[in-house]
C-alpha atoms as a PDB file:
ATOM      1  CA  UNK A   1       7.394  -6.359  13.750  1.00  0.00           C
ATOM      2  CA  UNK A   2       4.957  -7.732  16.323  1.00  0.00           C
ATOM      3  CA  UNK A   3       2.276 -10.114  15.131  1.00  0.00           C
ATOM      4  CA  UNK A   4       3.330  -9.308  11.506  1.00  0.00           C
ATOM      5  CA  UNK A   5       2.032  -5.753  11.688  1.00  0.00           C
ATOM      6  CA  UNK A   6       4.078  -2.946  10.192  1.00  0.00           C
ATOM      7  CA  UNK A   7       4.678  -0.079  12.838  1.00  0.00           C
ATOM      8  CA  UNK A   8       5.423   2.597  10.203  1.00  0.00           C
ATOM      9  CA  UNK A   9       1.853   3.034   8.723  1.00  0.00           C
ATOM     10  CA  UNK A  10       0.286   3.991  11.979  1.00  0.00           C
ATOM     11  CA  UNK A  11       3.075   6.512  12.679  1.00  0.00           C
ATOM     12  CA  UNK A  12       2.642   8.055   9.216  1.00  0.00           C
ATOM     13  CA  UNK A  13      -1.137   8.083   9.774  1.00  0.00           C
ATOM     14  CA  UNK A  14      -0.759   9.906  13.182  1.00  0.00           C
ATOM     15  CA  UNK A  15       1.626  12.430  11.820  1.00  0.00           C
ATOM     16  CA  UNK A  16      -0.705  13.074   8.842  1.00  0.00           C
ATOM     17  CA  UNK A  17      -3.702  13.580  11.252  1.00  0.00           C
ATOM     18  CA  UNK A  18      -1.599  15.922  13.268  1.00  0.00           C
ATOM     19  CA  UNK A  19      -0.315  17.841  10.275  1.00  0.00           C
ATOM     20  CA  UNK A  20       3.319  16.786  11.146  1.00  0.00           C
ATOM     21  CA  UNK A  21       4.361  14.699   8.178  1.00  0.00           C
ATOM     22  CA  UNK A  22       7.776  16.532   7.976  1.00  0.00           C
ATOM     23  CA  UNK A  23       8.555  15.082  11.516  1.00  0.00           C
ATOM     24  CA  UNK A  24       8.358  11.475  10.342  1.00  0.00           C
ATOM     25  CA  UNK A  25      11.254  11.785   7.753  1.00  0.00           C
ATOM     26  CA  UNK A  26      14.453   9.967   8.632  1.00  0.00           C
ATOM     27  CA  UNK A  27      16.555  12.357  10.831  1.00  0.00           C
ATOM     28  CA  UNK A  28      19.668  11.207   9.024  1.00  0.00           C
ATOM     29  CA  UNK A  29      18.550  13.555   6.118  1.00  0.00           C
ATOM     30  CA  UNK A  30      18.720  16.539   8.458  1.00  0.00           C
ATOM     31  CA  UNK A  31      17.250  19.533   6.584  1.00  0.00           C
ATOM     32  CA  UNK A  32      18.424  18.595   3.209  1.00  0.00           C
ATOM     33  CA  UNK A  33      14.983  17.578   1.838  1.00  0.00           C
ATOM     34  CA  UNK A  34      11.843  19.291   0.750  1.00  0.00           C
ATOM     35  CA  UNK A  35       9.109  18.983   3.349  1.00  0.00           C
ATOM     36  CA  UNK A  36       6.464  19.566   0.884  1.00  0.00           C
ATOM     37  CA  UNK A  37       7.791  16.804  -1.325  1.00  0.00           C
ATOM     38  CA  UNK A  38       8.218  14.329   1.575  1.00  0.00           C
ATOM     39  CA  UNK A  39       4.681  15.090   2.691  1.00  0.00           C
ATOM     40  CA  UNK A  40       3.328  14.428  -0.700  1.00  0.00           C
ATOM     41  CA  UNK A  41       5.268  11.227  -1.001  1.00  0.00           C
ATOM     42  CA  UNK A  42       3.791  10.036   2.335  1.00  0.00           C
ATOM     43  CA  UNK A  43       0.282  11.129   1.456  1.00  0.00           C
ATOM     44  CA  UNK A  44       0.581   9.027  -1.870  1.00  0.00           C
ATOM     45  CA  UNK A  45       1.676   6.086   0.269  1.00  0.00           C
ATOM     46  CA  UNK A  46      -1.229   6.463   2.613  1.00  0.00           C
ATOM     47  CA  UNK A  47      -3.585   6.596  -0.475  1.00  0.00           C
ATOM     48  CA  UNK A  48      -2.036   3.316  -1.860  1.00  0.00           C
ATOM     49  CA  UNK A  49      -2.707   1.677   1.420  1.00  0.00           C
ATOM     50  CA  UNK A  50      -6.385   2.331   1.553  1.00  0.00           C
ATOM     51  CA  UNK A  51      -8.307  -0.796   2.583  1.00  0.00           C
ATOM     52  CA  UNK A  52     -10.943  -0.563  -0.101  1.00  0.00           C
ATOM     53  CA  UNK A  53      -9.280  -0.796  -3.531  1.00  0.00           C
ATOM     54  CA  UNK A  54     -11.759   1.523  -4.978  1.00  0.00           C
ATOM     55  CA  UNK A  55     -10.114   4.211  -2.783  1.00  0.00           C
ATOM     56  CA  UNK A  56      -6.650   3.529  -3.983  1.00  0.00           C
ATOM     57  CA  UNK A  57      -5.333   5.507  -6.963  1.00  0.00           C
ATOM     58  CA  UNK A  58      -4.326   3.881 -10.174  1.00  0.00           C
ATOM     59  CA  UNK A  59      -0.665   3.588 -10.922  1.00  0.00           C
ATOM     60  CA  UNK A  60      -0.943   6.491 -13.419  1.00  0.00           C
ATOM     61  CA  UNK A  61      -2.646   8.620 -10.972  1.00  0.00           C
ATOM     62  CA  UNK A  62      -0.050   7.827  -8.242  1.00  0.00           C
ATOM     63  CA  UNK A  63       2.827   8.726 -10.592  1.00  0.00           C
ATOM     64  CA  UNK A  64       1.210  12.108 -11.387  1.00  0.00           C
ATOM     65  CA  UNK A  65       0.743  12.821  -7.610  1.00  0.00           C
ATOM     66  CA  UNK A  66       4.428  11.993  -6.928  1.00  0.00           C
ATOM     67  CA  UNK A  67       5.631  14.158  -9.754  1.00  0.00           C
ATOM     68  CA  UNK A  68       3.438  17.023  -8.744  1.00  0.00           C
ATOM     69  CA  UNK A  69       1.390  16.936 -11.970  1.00  0.00           C
ATOM     70  CA  UNK A  70      -1.780  16.405  -9.740  1.00  0.00           C
ATOM     71  CA  UNK A  71      -2.479  18.646  -6.769  1.00  0.00           C
ATOM     72  CA  UNK A  72      -2.925  16.884  -3.545  1.00  0.00           C
ATOM     73  CA  UNK A  73      -4.730  19.650  -1.505  1.00  0.00           C
ATOM     74  CA  UNK A  74      -8.277  18.206  -2.267  1.00  0.00           C
ATOM     75  CA  UNK A  75      -7.309  14.640  -1.963  1.00  0.00           C
ATOM     76  CA  UNK A  76      -9.219  13.011   0.888  1.00  0.00           C
ATOM     77  CA  UNK A  77      -7.218  10.184   2.792  1.00  0.00           C
ATOM     78  CA  UNK A  78      -8.937   7.895   5.334  1.00  0.00           C
ATOM     79  CA  UNK A  79      -7.223   5.756   7.640  1.00  0.00           C
ATOM     80  CA  UNK A  80      -5.308   2.888   5.857  1.00  0.00           C
ATOM     81  CA  UNK A  81      -6.183  -0.689   6.262  1.00  0.00           C
ATOM     82  CA  UNK A  82      -4.379  -2.887   8.667  1.00  0.00           C
ATOM     83  CA  UNK A  83      -1.268  -4.434   7.126  1.00  0.00           C
ATOM     84  CA  UNK A  84      -0.659  -7.996   7.730  1.00  0.00           C
ATOM     85  CA  UNK A  85       2.454 -10.230   7.367  1.00  0.00           C
ATOM     86  CA  UNK A  86       2.518 -11.046   3.670  1.00  0.00           C
ATOM     87  CA  UNK A  87       4.904 -13.864   4.415  1.00  0.00           C
ATOM     88  CA  UNK A  88       1.892 -15.744   5.868  1.00  0.00           C
ATOM     89  CA  UNK A  89       0.531 -16.121   2.303  1.00  0.00           C
ATOM     90  CA  UNK A  90       1.188 -19.628   1.217  1.00  0.00           C
ATOM     91  CA  UNK A  91       1.922 -19.510  -2.576  1.00  0.00           C
ATOM     92  CA  UNK A  92       2.734 -23.277  -2.546  1.00  0.00           C
ATOM     93  CA  UNK A  93      -0.877 -23.979  -1.403  1.00  0.00           C
ATOM     94  CA  UNK A  94      -2.420 -21.957  -4.244  1.00  0.00           C
ATOM     95  CA  UNK A  95      -0.194 -23.629  -6.819  1.00  0.00           C
ATOM     96  CA  UNK A  96      -1.260 -27.043  -5.589  1.00  0.00           C
ATOM     97  CA  UNK A  97      -4.951 -26.126  -5.827  1.00  0.00           C
ATOM     98  CA  UNK A  98      -4.343 -24.722  -9.347  1.00  0.00           C
ATOM     99  CA  UNK A  99      -2.641 -27.882 -10.386  1.00  0.00           C
ATOM    100  CA  UNK A 100      -5.431 -30.167  -8.904  1.00  0.00           C
ATOM    101  CA  UNK A 101      -7.902 -27.969 -10.953  1.00  0.00           C
ATOM    102  CA  UNK A 102      -5.808 -28.420 -14.176  1.00  0.00           C
ATOM    103  CA  UNK A 103      -5.583 -32.085 -13.655  1.00  0.00           C
ATOM    104  CA  UNK A 104      -9.262 -32.426 -13.094  1.00  0.00           C
ATOM    105  CA  UNK A 105     -10.370 -30.237 -15.985  1.00  0.00           C
ATOM    106  CA  UNK A 106      -7.918 -32.358 -18.291  1.00  0.00           C
ATOM    107  CA  UNK A 107      -9.414 -35.656 -17.400  1.00  0.00           C
ATOM    108  CA  UNK A 108     -11.647 -37.394 -19.843  1.00  0.00           C
ATOM    109  CA  UNK A 109     -14.715 -37.139 -17.724  1.00  0.00           C
ATOM    110  CA  UNK A 110     -14.333 -33.450 -17.245  1.00  0.00           C
ATOM    111  CA  UNK A 111     -15.596 -32.912 -20.719  1.00  0.00           C
ATOM    112  CA  UNK A 112     -18.983 -34.774 -20.061  1.00  0.00           C
END
């Protein structure tokens, strides 16, 4: 990955726009898969990567799409947001700021 960006999402997005999602499936599978099912899975993946959270399906809706309980024909998919390297998120920094807040809120002066 270059600059922490995932290269698979843009490839899937381009294949989706061109109507060629079946071509993005791992060639190791040969022809031993349902193209319709593979396309549905990739569409759900694209929906789950929408930049605005309000455009992403709830988990229950995504499961219904994956199990074909919900039809995908009328679902509008816009270009997914940019994926950044999640390893750059510093959880320790967040923990230290939370512990600082906890110490401040438990001090005697914080109740004044």
